[in-house]
PDB file of N, CA and C in Angstrom:
ATOM      1  N   MET A   1      97.996 120.888 100.494  1.00  0.00           N
ATOM      2  CA  MET A   1      97.408 120.147  99.402  1.00  0.00           C
ATOM      3  C   MET A   1      96.020 120.685  99.082  1.00  0.00           C
ATOM      4  N   ARG A   2      95.360 121.289 100.062  1.00  0.00           N
ATOM      5  CA  ARG A   2      94.027 121.839  99.795  1.00  0.00           C
ATOM      6  C   ARG A   2      94.066 122.924  98.725  1.00  0.00           C
ATOM      7  N   ALA A   3      95.208 123.572  98.555  1.00  0.00           N
ATOM      8  CA  ALA A   3      95.330 124.581  97.509  1.00  0.00           C
ATOM      9  C   ALA A   3      95.365 123.938  96.124  1.00  0.00           C
ATOM     10  N   TRP A   4      95.698 122.661  96.058  1.00  0.00           N
ATOM     11  CA  TRP A   4      95.804 121.970  94.780  1.00  0.00           C
ATOM     12  C   TRP A   4      94.528 121.233  94.400  1.00  0.00           C
ATOM     13  N   ILE A   5      93.929 120.551  95.382  1.00  0.00           N
ATOM     14  CA  ILE A   5      92.844 119.612  95.116  1.00  0.00           C
ATOM     15  C   ILE A   5      91.751 119.821  96.158  1.00  0.00           C
ATOM     16  N   PRO A   6      90.468 119.725  95.763  1.00  0.00           N
ATOM     17  CA  PRO A   6      89.393 119.857  96.755  1.00  0.00           C
ATOM     18  C   PRO A   6      89.586 118.888  97.922  1.00  0.00           C
ATOM     19  N   TYR A   7      89.361 119.409  99.134  1.00  0.00           N
ATOM     20  CA  TYR A   7      89.637 118.654 100.355  1.00  0.00           C
ATOM     21  C   TYR A   7      88.880 117.335 100.443  1.00  0.00           C
ATOM     22  N   ASP A   8      87.593 117.352 100.205  1.00  0.00           N
ATOM     23  CA  ASP A   8      86.794 116.139 100.366  1.00  0.00           C
ATOM     24  C   ASP A   8      86.654 115.425  99.025  1.00  0.00           C
ATOM     25  N   SER A   9      87.764 114.917  98.518  1.00  0.00           N
ATOM     26  CA  SER A   9      87.748 114.231  97.227  1.00  0.00           C
ATOM     27  C   SER A   9      88.410 112.871  97.354  1.00  0.00           C
ATOM     28  N   GLY A  10      88.133 112.018  96.404  1.00  0.00           N
ATOM     29  CA  GLY A  10      88.763 110.701  96.374  1.00  0.00           C
ATOM     30  C   GLY A  10      90.273 110.799  96.235  1.00  0.00           C
ATOM     31  N   THR A  11      90.730 111.812  95.510  1.00  0.00           N
ATOM     32  CA  THR A  11      92.180 111.983  95.334  1.00  0.00           C
ATOM     33  C   THR A  11      92.853 112.270  96.666  1.00  0.00           C
ATOM     34  N   VAL A  12      92.272 113.165  97.463  1.00  0.00           N
ATOM     35  CA  VAL A  12      92.871 113.490  98.757  1.00  0.00           C
ATOM     36  C   VAL A  12      92.887 112.259  99.654  1.00  0.00           C
ATOM     37  N   ARG A  13      91.805 111.487  99.640  1.00  0.00           N
ATOM     38  CA  ARG A  13      91.774 110.265 100.458  1.00  0.00           C
ATOM     39  C   ARG A  13      92.824 109.260  99.977  1.00  0.00           C
ATOM     40  N   ALA A  14      92.987 109.119  98.656  1.00  0.00           N
ATOM     41  CA  ALA A  14      93.995 108.198  98.113  1.00  0.00           C
ATOM     42  C   ALA A  14      95.400 108.655  98.472  1.00  0.00           C
ATOM     43  N   VAL A  15      95.671 109.957  98.364  1.00  0.00           N
ATOM     44  CA  VAL A  15      96.993 110.492  98.724  1.00  0.00           C
ATOM     45  C   VAL A  15      97.255 110.267 100.211  1.00  0.00           C
ATOM     46  N   ALA A  16      96.253 110.487 101.050  1.00  0.00           N
ATOM     47  CA  ALA A  16      96.427 110.276 102.498  1.00  0.00           C
ATOM     48  C   ALA A  16      96.735 108.818 102.797  1.00  0.00           C
ATOM     49  N   LEU A  17      96.020 107.891 102.161  1.00  0.00           N
ATOM     50  CA  LEU A  17      96.241 106.465 102.398  1.00  0.00           C
ATOM     51  C   LEU A  17      97.637 106.042 101.938  1.00  0.00           C
ATOM     52  N   VAL A  18      98.025 106.448 100.731  1.00  0.00           N
ATOM     53  CA  VAL A  18      99.345 106.079 100.204  1.00  0.00           C
ATOM     54  C   VAL A  18     100.446 106.687 101.068  1.00  0.00           C
ATOM     55  N   THR A  19     100.284 107.938 101.472  1.00  0.00           N
ATOM     56  CA  THR A  19     101.273 108.591 102.333  1.00  0.00           C
ATOM     57  C   THR A  19     101.403 107.858 103.658  1.00  0.00           C
ATOM     58  N   ALA A  20     100.279 107.491 104.248  1.00  0.00           N
ATOM     59  CA  ALA A  20     100.308 106.772 105.529  1.00  0.00           C
ATOM     60  C   ALA A  20     101.008 105.431 105.398  1.00  0.00           C
ATOM     61  N   GLU A  21     100.719 104.702 104.334  1.00  0.00           N
ATOM     62  CA  GLU A  21     101.356 103.392 104.141  1.00  0.00           C
ATOM     63  C   GLU A  21     102.864 103.522 103.937  1.00  0.00           C
ATOM     64  N   LEU A  22     103.286 104.469 103.093  1.00  0.00           N
ATOM     65  CA  LEU A  22     104.723 104.628 102.846  1.00  0.00           C
ATOM     66  C   LEU A  22     105.456 105.127 104.090  1.00  0.00           C
ATOM     67  N   ALA A  23     104.840 106.046 104.835  1.00  0.00           N
ATOM     68  CA  ALA A  23     105.468 106.537 106.063  1.00  0.00           C
ATOM     69  C   ALA A  23     105.540 105.427 107.112  1.00  0.00           C
ATOM     70  N   SER A  24     104.488 104.643 107.221  1.00  0.00           N
ATOM     71  CA  SER A  24     104.479 103.522 108.169  1.00  0.00           C
ATOM     72  C   SER A  24     105.578 102.521 107.839  1.00  0.00           C
ATOM     73  N   ASN A  25     105.744 102.228 106.553  1.00  0.00           N
ATOM     74  CA  ASN A  25     106.815 101.312 106.151  1.00  0.00           C
ATOM     75  C   ASN A  25     108.188 101.879 106.483  1.00  0.00           C
ATOM     76  N   ALA A  26     108.361 103.186 106.276  1.00  0.00           N
ATOM     77  CA  ALA A  26     109.656 103.806 106.592  1.00  0.00           C
ATOM     78  C   ALA A  26     109.947 103.720 108.083  1.00  0.00           C
ATOM     79  N   ILE A  27     108.917 103.931 108.910  1.00  0.00           N
ATOM     80  CA  ILE A  27     109.099 103.850 110.356  1.00  0.00           C
ATOM     81  C   ILE A  27     109.377 102.422 110.795  1.00  0.00           C
ATOM     82  N   THR A  28     108.644 101.474 110.221  1.00  0.00           N
ATOM     83  CA  THR A  28     108.743 100.072 110.640  1.00  0.00           C
ATOM     84  C   THR A  28     109.985  99.375 110.095  1.00  0.00           C
ATOM     85  N   HIS A  29     110.314  99.619 108.830  1.00  0.00           N
ATOM     86  CA  HIS A  29     111.361  98.832 108.164  1.00  0.00           C
ATOM     87  C   HIS A  29     112.590  99.640 107.742  1.00  0.00           C
ATOM     88  N   GLY A  30     112.499 100.966 107.716  1.00  0.00           N
ATOM     89  CA  GLY A  30     113.595 101.748 107.162  1.00  0.00           C
ATOM     90  C   GLY A  30     114.280 102.669 108.129  1.00  0.00           C
ATOM     91  N   ARG A  31     114.139 102.404 109.394  1.00  0.00           N
ATOM     92  CA  ARG A  31     114.660 103.336 110.394  1.00  0.00           C
ATOM     93  C   ARG A  31     115.906 102.790 111.065  1.00  0.00           C
ATOM     94  N   LEU A  32     116.820 103.686 111.336  1.00  0.00           N
ATOM     95  CA  LEU A  32     117.995 103.400 112.161  1.00  0.00           C
ATOM     96  C   LEU A  32     117.934 104.323 113.370  1.00  0.00           C
ATOM     97  N   PRO A  33     118.404 103.877 114.531  1.00  0.00           N
ATOM     98  CA  PRO A  33     118.383 104.746 115.718  1.00  0.00           C
ATOM     99  C   PRO A  33     119.078 106.075 115.438  1.00  0.00           C
ATOM    100  N   GLY A  34     118.406 107.155 115.810  1.00  0.00           N
ATOM    101  CA  GLY A  34     118.977 108.480 115.647  1.00  0.00           C
ATOM    102  C   GLY A  34     118.804 109.092 114.271  1.00  0.00           C
ATOM    103  N   ARG A  35     118.155 108.364 113.352  1.00  0.00           N
ATOM    104  CA  ARG A  35     117.953 108.889 111.998  1.00  0.00           C
ATOM    105  C   ARG A  35     116.478 108.816 111.656  1.00  0.00           C
ATOM    106  N   ASP A  36     115.971 109.871 111.050  1.00  0.00           N
ATOM    107  CA  ASP A  36     114.570 109.947 110.695  1.00  0.00           C
ATOM    108  C   ASP A  36     114.363 109.630 109.226  1.00  0.00           C
ATOM    109  N   PHE A  37     113.119 109.762 108.794  1.00  0.00           N
ATOM    110  CA  PHE A  37     112.818 109.655 107.382  1.00  0.00           C
ATOM    111  C   PHE A  37     112.334 111.012 106.892  1.00  0.00           C
ATOM    112  N   ARG A  38     112.302 111.190 105.578  1.00  0.00           N
ATOM    113  CA  ARG A  38     111.875 112.447 104.970  1.00  0.00           C
ATOM    114  C   ARG A  38     110.628 112.177 104.137  1.00  0.00           C
ATOM    115  N   LEU A  39     109.634 113.037 104.272  1.00  0.00           N
ATOM    116  CA  LEU A  39     108.396 112.924 103.520  1.00  0.00           C
ATOM    117  C   LEU A  39     108.232 114.177 102.668  1.00  0.00           C
ATOM    118  N   ALA A  40     107.922 113.993 101.392  1.00  0.00           N
ATOM    119  CA  ALA A  40     107.703 115.139 100.509  1.00  0.00           C
ATOM    120  C   ALA A  40     106.487 114.872  99.627  1.00  0.00           C
ATOM    121  N   LEU A  41     105.687 115.908  99.418  1.00  0.00           N
ATOM    122  CA  LEU A  41     104.568 115.866  98.488  1.00  0.00           C
ATOM    123  C   LEU A  41     104.842 116.884  97.398  1.00  0.00           C
ATOM    124  N   GLY A  42     104.517 116.528  96.175  1.00  0.00           N
ATOM    125  CA  GLY A  42     104.696 117.461  95.076  1.00  0.00           C
ATOM    126  C   GLY A  42     103.568 117.325  94.080  1.00  0.00           C
ATOM    127  N   LEU A  43     103.303 118.385  93.351  1.00  0.00           N
ATOM    128  CA  LEU A  43     102.247 118.388  92.362  1.00  0.00           C
ATOM    129  C   LEU A  43     102.859 118.296  90.980  1.00  0.00           C
ATOM    130  N   LEU A  44     102.477 117.261  90.257  1.00  0.00           N
ATOM    131  CA  LEU A  44     102.871 117.082  88.864  1.00  0.00           C
ATOM    132  C   LEU A  44     101.684 117.513  88.000  1.00  0.00           C
ATOM    133  N   PRO A  45     101.832 117.591  86.677  1.00  0.00           N
ATOM    134  CA  PRO A  45     100.703 118.033  85.850  1.00  0.00           C
ATOM    135  C   PRO A  45      99.417 117.212  86.040  1.00  0.00           C
ATOM    136  N   HIS A  46      99.518 115.906  86.255  1.00  0.00           N
ATOM    137  CA  HIS A  46      98.313 115.089  86.393  1.00  0.00           C
ATOM    138  C   HIS A  46      98.384 114.115  87.566  1.00  0.00           C
ATOM    139  N   ALA A  47      99.200 114.440  88.567  1.00  0.00           N
ATOM    140  CA  ALA A  47      99.335 113.527  89.710  1.00  0.00           C
ATOM    141  C   ALA A  47      99.918 114.265  90.907  1.00  0.00           C
ATOM    142  N   VAL A  48      99.664 113.701  92.072  1.00  0.00           N
ATOM    143  CA  VAL A  48     100.347 114.130  93.294  1.00  0.00           C
ATOM    144  C   VAL A  48     101.432 113.093  93.542  1.00  0.00           C
ATOM    145  N   ARG A  49     102.657 113.544  93.737  1.00  0.00           N
ATOM    146  CA  ARG A  49     103.773 112.635  93.970  1.00  0.00           C
ATOM    147  C   ARG A  49     104.113 112.634  95.453  1.00  0.00           C
ATOM    148  N   ILE A  50     104.210 111.431  96.011  1.00  0.00           N
ATOM    149  CA  ILE A  50     104.583 111.236  97.403  1.00  0.00           C
ATOM    150  C   ILE A  50     105.955 110.585  97.400  1.00  0.00           C
ATOM    151  N   GLU A  51     106.890 111.129  98.169  1.00  0.00           N
ATOM    152  CA  GLU A  51     108.217 110.531  98.299  1.00  0.00           C
ATOM    153  C   GLU A  51     108.542 110.369  99.776  1.00  0.00           C
ATOM    154  N   VAL A  52     108.961 109.172 100.139  1.00  0.00           N
ATOM    155  CA  VAL A  52     109.404 108.901 101.505  1.00  0.00           C
ATOM    156  C   VAL A  52     110.823 108.347 101.413  1.00  0.00           C
ATOM    157  N   THR A  53     111.757 109.070 102.019  1.00  0.00           N
ATOM    158  CA  THR A  53     113.162 108.673 101.993  1.00  0.00           C
ATOM    159  C   THR A  53     113.539 108.157 103.371  1.00  0.00           C
ATOM    160  N   ASP A  54     114.128 106.961 103.412  1.00  0.00           N
ATOM    161  CA  ASP A  54     114.551 106.393 104.690  1.00  0.00           C
ATOM    162  C   ASP A  54     116.028 106.062 104.651  1.00  0.00           C
ATOM    163  N   THR A  55     116.534 105.528 105.754  1.00  0.00           N
ATOM    164  CA  THR A  55     117.977 105.327 105.916  1.00  0.00           C
ATOM    165  C   THR A  55     118.398 103.866 105.815  1.00  0.00           C
ATOM    166  N   ARG A  56     117.603 103.060 105.130  1.00  0.00           N
ATOM    167  CA  ARG A  56     117.950 101.648 104.963  1.00  0.00           C
ATOM    168  C   ARG A  56     117.923 101.261 103.486  1.00  0.00           C
ATOM    169  N   PRO A  57     118.916 101.709 102.697  1.00  0.00           N
ATOM    170  CA  PRO A  57     118.895 101.408 101.265  1.00  0.00           C
ATOM    171  C   PRO A  57     119.059  99.923 100.954  1.00  0.00           C
ATOM    172  N   GLU A  58     119.587  99.167 101.902  1.00  0.00           N
ATOM    173  CA  GLU A  58     119.768  97.730 101.651  1.00  0.00           C
ATOM    174  C   GLU A  58     118.452  96.957 101.775  1.00  0.00           C
ATOM    175  N   ARG A  59     117.451  97.562 102.381  1.00  0.00           N
ATOM    176  CA  ARG A  59     116.143  96.912 102.527  1.00  0.00           C
ATOM    177  C   ARG A  59     115.246  97.348 101.379  1.00  0.00           C
ATOM    178  N   LEU A  60     115.291  96.587 100.303  1.00  0.00           N
ATOM    179  CA  LEU A  60     114.484  96.913  99.133  1.00  0.00           C
ATOM    180  C   LEU A  60     113.059  96.407  99.329  1.00  0.00           C
ATOM    181  N   LEU A  61     112.182  96.776  98.425  1.00  0.00           N
ATOM    182  CA  LEU A  61     110.770  96.441  98.572  1.00  0.00           C
ATOM    183  C   LEU A  61     110.534  94.938  98.424  1.00  0.00           C
ATOM    184  N   PRO A  62     109.659  94.391  99.265  1.00  0.00           N
ATOM    185  CA  PRO A  62     109.335  92.964  99.171  1.00  0.00           C
ATOM    186  C   PRO A  62     108.333  92.705  98.048  1.00  0.00           C
ATOM    187  N   ASP A  63     108.012  91.439  97.840  1.00  0.00           N
ATOM    188  CA  ASP A  63     106.972  91.074  96.888  1.00  0.00           C
ATOM    189  C   ASP A  63     105.647  91.709  97.296  1.00  0.00           C
ATOM    190  N   LEU A  64     104.738  91.797  96.337  1.00  0.00           N
ATOM    191  CA  LEU A  64     103.461  92.450  96.595  1.00  0.00           C
ATOM    192  C   LEU A  64     102.404  91.551  97.217  1.00  0.00           C
ATOM    193  N   SER A  65     102.777  90.446  97.762  1.00  0.00           N
ATOM    194  CA  SER A  65     101.760  89.608  98.387  1.00  0.00           C
ATOM    195  C   SER A  65     102.167  89.318  99.827  1.00  0.00           C
ATOM    196  N   PRO A  66     101.184  89.328 100.732  1.00  0.00           N
ATOM    197  CA  PRO A  66     101.508  88.979 102.112  1.00  0.00           C
ATOM    198  C   PRO A  66     101.907  87.512 102.202  1.00  0.00           C
ATOM    199  N   ALA A  67     102.612  87.170 103.254  1.00  0.00           N
ATOM    200  CA  ALA A  67     103.091  85.796 103.419  1.00  0.00           C
ATOM    201  C   ALA A  67     101.934  84.802 103.438  1.00  0.00           C
ATOM    202  N   PHE A  68     100.829  85.187 104.048  1.00  0.00           N
ATOM    203  CA  PHE A  68      99.661  84.315 104.137  1.00  0.00           C
ATOM    204  C   PHE A  68      98.426  85.114 103.740  1.00  0.00           C
ATOM    205  N   PRO A  69      97.496  84.536 102.990  1.00  0.00           N
ATOM    206  CA  PRO A  69      96.308  85.276 102.552  1.00  0.00           C
ATOM    207  C   PRO A  69      95.484  85.864 103.694  1.00  0.00           C
ATOM    208  N   ASP A  70      95.488  85.237 104.869  1.00  0.00           N
ATOM    209  CA  ASP A  70      94.704  85.755 105.987  1.00  0.00           C
ATOM    210  C   ASP A  70      95.555  86.583 106.959  1.00  0.00           C
ATOM    211  N   ALA A  71      96.739  87.016 106.505  1.00  0.00           N
ATOM    212  CA  ALA A  71      97.634  87.815 107.345  1.00  0.00           C
ATOM    213  C   ALA A  71      97.002  89.162 107.683  1.00  0.00           C
ATOM    214  N   THR A  72      97.281  89.652 108.876  1.00  0.00           N
ATOM    215  CA  THR A  72      96.762  90.959 109.293  1.00  0.00           C
ATOM    216  C   THR A  72      97.754  92.074 109.004  1.00  0.00           C
ATOM    217  N   ALA A  73      98.916  91.746 108.504  1.00  0.00           N
ATOM    218  CA  ALA A  73      99.922  92.746 108.140  1.00  0.00           C
ATOM    219  C   ALA A  73     100.507  92.374 106.787  1.00  0.00           C
ATOM    220  N   GLY A  74     101.206  93.301 106.178  1.00  0.00           N
ATOM    221  CA  GLY A  74     101.860  93.027 104.914  1.00  0.00           C
ATOM    222  C   GLY A  74     101.037  93.411 103.692  1.00  0.00           C
ATOM    223  N   TRP A  75      99.968  94.166 103.886  1.00  0.00           N
ATOM    224  CA  TRP A  75      99.092  94.551 102.784  1.00  0.00           C
ATOM    225  C   TRP A  75      99.366  95.970 102.289  1.00  0.00           C
ATOM    226  N   GLY A  76     100.259  96.705 102.935  1.00  0.00           N
ATOM    227  CA  GLY A  76     100.468  98.118 102.624  1.00  0.00           C
ATOM    228  C   GLY A  76     100.850  98.397 101.187  1.00  0.00           C
ATOM    229  N   LEU A  77     101.822  97.675 100.651  1.00  0.00           N
ATOM    230  CA  LEU A  77     102.238  97.938  99.275  1.00  0.00           C
ATOM    231  C   LEU A  77     101.179  97.514  98.267  1.00  0.00           C
ATOM    232  N   LEU A  78     100.338  96.557  98.626  1.00  0.00           N
ATOM    233  CA  LEU A  78      99.211  96.212  97.757  1.00  0.00           C
ATOM    234  C   LEU A  78      98.239  97.389  97.678  1.00  0.00           C
ATOM    235  N   LEU A  79      98.028  98.070  98.803  1.00  0.00           N
ATOM    236  CA  LEU A  79      97.183  99.265  98.788  1.00  0.00           C
ATOM    237  C   LEU A  79      97.830 100.382  97.974  1.00  0.00           C
ATOM    238  N   VAL A  80      99.125 100.578  98.149  1.00  0.00           N
ATOM    239  CA  VAL A  80      99.843 101.583  97.358  1.00  0.00           C
ATOM    240  C   VAL A  80      99.694 101.265  95.874  1.00  0.00           C
ATOM    241  N   ASP A  81      99.866 100.007  95.511  1.00  0.00           N
ATOM    242  CA  ASP A  81      99.748  99.595  94.118  1.00  0.00           C
ATOM    243  C   ASP A  81      98.340  99.841  93.575  1.00  0.00           C
ATOM    244  N   ALA A  82      97.334  99.643  94.407  1.00  0.00           N
ATOM    245  CA  ALA A  82      95.949  99.821  93.979  1.00  0.00           C
ATOM    246  C   ALA A  82      95.598 101.301  93.776  1.00  0.00           C
ATOM    247  N   TYR A  83      96.145 102.192  94.589  1.00  0.00           N
ATOM    248  CA  TYR A  83      95.761 103.603  94.546  1.00  0.00           C
ATOM    249  C   TYR A  83      96.708 104.488  93.749  1.00  0.00           C
ATOM    250  N   ALA A  84      97.929 104.049  93.525  1.00  0.00           N
ATOM    251  CA  ALA A  84      98.909 104.869  92.807  1.00  0.00           C
ATOM    252  C   ALA A  84      98.990 104.430  91.344  1.00  0.00           C
ATOM    253  N   GLY A  85      99.047 105.409  90.451  1.00  0.00           N
ATOM    254  CA  GLY A  85      99.202 105.089  89.038  1.00  0.00           C
ATOM    255  C   GLY A  85     100.571 104.508  88.745  1.00  0.00           C
ATOM    256  N   HIS A  86     101.573 105.049  89.385  1.00  0.00           N
ATOM    257  CA  HIS A  86     102.960 104.586  89.262  1.00  0.00           C
ATOM    258  C   HIS A  86     103.580 104.648  90.644  1.00  0.00           C
ATOM    259  N   TRP A  87     104.494 103.737  90.919  1.00  0.00           N
ATOM    260  CA  TRP A  87     105.239 103.795  92.168  1.00  0.00           C
ATOM    261  C   TRP A  87     106.489 102.951  92.018  1.00  0.00           C
ATOM    262  N   GLY A  88     107.444 103.177  92.904  1.00  0.00           N
ATOM    263  CA  GLY A  88     108.683 102.429  92.839  1.00  0.00           C
ATOM    264  C   GLY A  88     109.639 102.840  93.940  1.00  0.00           C
ATOM    265  N   CYS A  89     110.873 102.399  93.784  1.00  0.00           N
ATOM    266  CA  CYS A  89     111.902 102.641  94.785  1.00  0.00           C
ATOM    267  C   CYS A  89     113.182 103.035  94.072  1.00  0.00           C
ATOM    268  N   THR A  90     113.843 104.060  94.584  1.00  0.00           N
ATOM    269  CA  THR A  90     115.105 104.526  94.025  1.00  0.00           C
ATOM    270  C   THR A  90     116.133 104.572  95.145  1.00  0.00           C
ATOM    271  N   VAL A  91     117.233 103.840  94.979  1.00  0.00           N
ATOM    272  CA  VAL A  91     118.337 103.926  95.944  1.00  0.00           C
ATOM    273  C   VAL A  91     119.133 105.161  95.570  1.00  0.00           C
ATOM    274  N   ARG A  92     119.212 106.105  96.506  1.00  0.00           N
ATOM    275  CA  ARG A  92     119.855 107.400  96.242  1.00  0.00           C
ATOM    276  C   ARG A  92     121.373 107.330  96.391  1.00  0.00           C
ATOM    277  N   ASP A  93     121.815 106.653  97.445  1.00  0.00           N
ATOM    278  CA  ASP A  93     123.242 106.577  97.740  1.00  0.00           C
ATOM    279  C   ASP A  93     123.434 105.437  98.737  1.00  0.00           C
ATOM    280  N   ALA A  94     124.586 105.365  99.359  1.00  0.00           N
ATOM    281  CA  ALA A  94     124.862 104.277 100.307  1.00  0.00           C
ATOM    282  C   ALA A  94     124.084 104.430 101.610  1.00  0.00           C
ATOM    283  N   TYR A  95     123.393 105.570 101.795  1.00  0.00           N
ATOM    284  CA  TYR A  95     122.745 105.840 103.071  1.00  0.00           C
ATOM    285  C   TYR A  95     121.224 105.962 103.003  1.00  0.00           C
ATOM    286  N   THR A  96     120.665 106.167 101.818  1.00  0.00           N
ATOM    287  CA  THR A  96     119.222 106.400 101.721  1.00  0.00           C
ATOM    288  C   THR A  96     118.602 105.742 100.498  1.00  0.00           C
ATOM    289  N   LYS A  97     117.299 105.500 100.616  1.00  0.00           N
ATOM    290  CA  LYS A  97     116.491 105.105  99.470  1.00  0.00           C
ATOM    291  C   LYS A  97     115.190 105.890  99.549  1.00  0.00           C
ATOM    292  N   THR A  98     114.565 106.098  98.408  1.00  0.00           N
ATOM    293  CA  THR A  98     113.298 106.802  98.345  1.00  0.00           C
ATOM    294  C   THR A  98     112.258 105.905  97.712  1.00  0.00           C
ATOM    295  N   VAL A  99     111.160 105.698  98.427  1.00  0.00           N
ATOM    296  CA  VAL A  99     110.006 105.000  97.866  1.00  0.00           C
ATOM    297  C   VAL A  99     109.035 106.101  97.458  1.00  0.00           C
ATOM    298  N   TRP A 100     108.580 106.053  96.222  1.00  0.00           N
ATOM    299  CA  TRP A 100     107.738 107.113  95.688  1.00  0.00           C
ATOM    300  C   TRP A 100     106.473 106.520  95.071  1.00  0.00           C
ATOM    301  N   ALA A 101     105.450 107.339  95.013  1.00  0.00           N
ATOM    302  CA  ALA A 101     104.191 106.928  94.390  1.00  0.00           C
ATOM    303  C   ALA A 101     103.542 108.173  93.795  1.00  0.00           C
ATOM    304  N   GLU A 102     102.835 107.978  92.683  1.00  0.00           N
ATOM    305  CA  GLU A 102     102.112 109.062  92.040  1.00  0.00           C
ATOM    306  C   GLU A 102     100.634 108.692  91.975  1.00  0.00           C
ATOM    307  N   VAL A 103      99.797 109.511  92.605  1.00  0.00           N
ATOM    308  CA  VAL A 103      98.352 109.314  92.604  1.00  0.00           C
ATOM    309  C   VAL A 103      97.770 110.259  91.562  1.00  0.00           C
ATOM    310  N   LYS A 104      97.099 109.696  90.571  1.00  0.00           N
ATOM    311  CA  LYS A 104      96.528 110.509  89.498  1.00  0.00           C
ATOM    312  C   LYS A 104      95.472 111.456  90.046  1.00  0.00           C
ATOM    313  N   CYS A 105      95.418 112.651  89.459  1.00  0.00           N
ATOM    314  CA  CYS A 105      94.407 113.619  89.858  1.00  0.00           C
ATOM    315  C   CYS A 105      94.073 114.507  88.677  1.00  0.00           C
ATOM    316  N   THR A 106      92.907 115.098  88.743  1.00  0.00           N
ATOM    317  CA  THR A 106      92.494 116.099  87.772  1.00  0.00           C
ATOM    318  C   THR A 106      92.439 117.422  88.515  1.00  0.00           C
ATOM    319  N   LEU A 107      93.236 118.356  88.080  1.00  0.00           N
ATOM    320  CA  LEU A 107      93.266 119.656  88.739  1.00  0.00           C
ATOM    321  C   LEU A 107      92.024 120.443  88.358  1.00  0.00           C
ATOM    322  N   PRO A 108      91.493 121.225  89.312  1.00  0.00           N
ATOM    323  CA  PRO A 108      90.333 122.048  88.976  1.00  0.00           C
ATOM    324  C   PRO A 108      90.692 123.077  87.910  1.00  0.00           C
ATOM    325  N   GLN A 109      89.703 123.512  87.158  1.00  0.00           N
ATOM    326  CA  GLN A 109      89.928 124.543  86.145  1.00  0.00           C
ATOM    327  C   GLN A 109      90.348 125.834  86.839  1.00  0.00           C
ATOM    328  N   VAL A 110      91.372 126.454  86.306  1.00  0.00           N
ATOM    329  CA  VAL A 110      91.873 127.708  86.873  1.00  0.00           C
ATOM    330  C   VAL A 110      91.394 128.845  85.977  1.00  0.00           C
ATOM    331  N   PRO A 111      90.738 129.886  86.544  1.00  0.00           N
ATOM    332  CA  PRO A 111      90.265 130.999  85.721  1.00  0.00           C
ATOM    333  C   PRO A 111      91.418 131.675  84.987  1.00  0.00           C
ATOM    334  N   VAL A 112      91.108 132.236  83.821  1.00  0.00           N
ATOM    335  CA  VAL A 112      92.108 132.955  83.040  1.00  0.00           C
ATOM    336  C   VAL A 112      92.653 134.095  83.897  1.00  0.00           C
ATOM    337  N   GLY A 113      93.961 134.282  83.881  1.00  0.00           N
ATOM    338  CA  GLY A 113      94.585 135.337  84.662  1.00  0.00           C
ATOM    339  C   GLY A 113      95.118 134.854  86.001  1.00  0.00           C
ATOM    340  N   PHE A 114      94.788 133.617  86.382  1.00  0.00           N
ATOM    341  CA  PHE A 114      95.288 133.040  87.624  1.00  0.00           C
ATOM    342  C   PHE A 114      96.221 131.905  87.274  1.00  0.00           C
ATOM    343  N   SER A 115      97.117 131.570  88.194  1.00  0.00           N
ATOM    344  CA  SER A 115      97.988 130.423  87.973  1.00  0.00           C
ATOM    345  C   SER A 115      97.742 129.407  89.068  1.00  0.00           C
ATOM    346  N   ALA A 116      97.862 128.153  88.699  1.00  0.00           N
ATOM    347  CA  ALA A 116      97.681 127.066  89.674  1.00  0.00           C
ATOM    348  C   ALA A 116      98.820 127.078  90.667  1.00  0.00           C
ATOM    349  N   PRO A 117      98.542 126.736  91.929  1.00  0.00           N
ATOM    350  CA  PRO A 117      99.615 126.662  92.937  1.00  0.00           C
ATOM    351  C   PRO A 117     100.662 125.631  92.514  1.00  0.00           C
ATOM    352  N   ARG A 118     101.904 125.875  92.860  1.00  0.00           N
ATOM    353  CA  ARG A 118     102.992 124.953  92.552  1.00  0.00           C
ATOM    354  C   ARG A 118     103.694 124.586  93.838  1.00  0.00           C
ATOM    355  N   ALA A 119     104.225 123.379  93.843  1.00  0.00           N
ATOM    356  CA  ALA A 119     105.020 122.947  94.980  1.00  0.00           C
ATOM    357  C   ALA A 119     106.356 122.459  94.474  1.00  0.00           C
ATOM    358  N   GLU A 120     107.382 122.755  95.200  1.00  0.00           N
ATOM    359  CA  GLU A 120     108.717 122.280  94.831  1.00  0.00           C
ATOM    360  C   GLU A 120     109.095 121.129  95.718  1.00  0.00           C
ATOM    361  N   MET A 121     109.850 120.199  95.157  1.00  0.00           N
ATOM    362  CA  MET A 121     110.299 119.050  95.932  1.00  0.00           C
ATOM    363  C   MET A 121     111.780 119.151  96.134  1.00  0.00           C
TER     364      MET A 121
END
């Protein structure tokens, strides 16, 4: 990601936070014994896209509020919502679902004759 966006930037911190929250949710709520989750980062024209695919398609996303206002858990998707321009969940098939988020970013100016790094998902 350092090839795309300056390392010490708000965008990198936002992408790290959103990635951590989505991966944590996949580990906590979307895991089956013997099956892992998949994490992918991709660069869109004006955003970094984070995708986390897990093996529990029947466990869809909960409401965006914790059960109790003073709860110490259940705030992850609220953070994702605050830092991501767009996010959602796509059920891929009977075995997987992907929770994705897009964190807006401004790419640095690329000198004429050079091309910006690309990532494939």
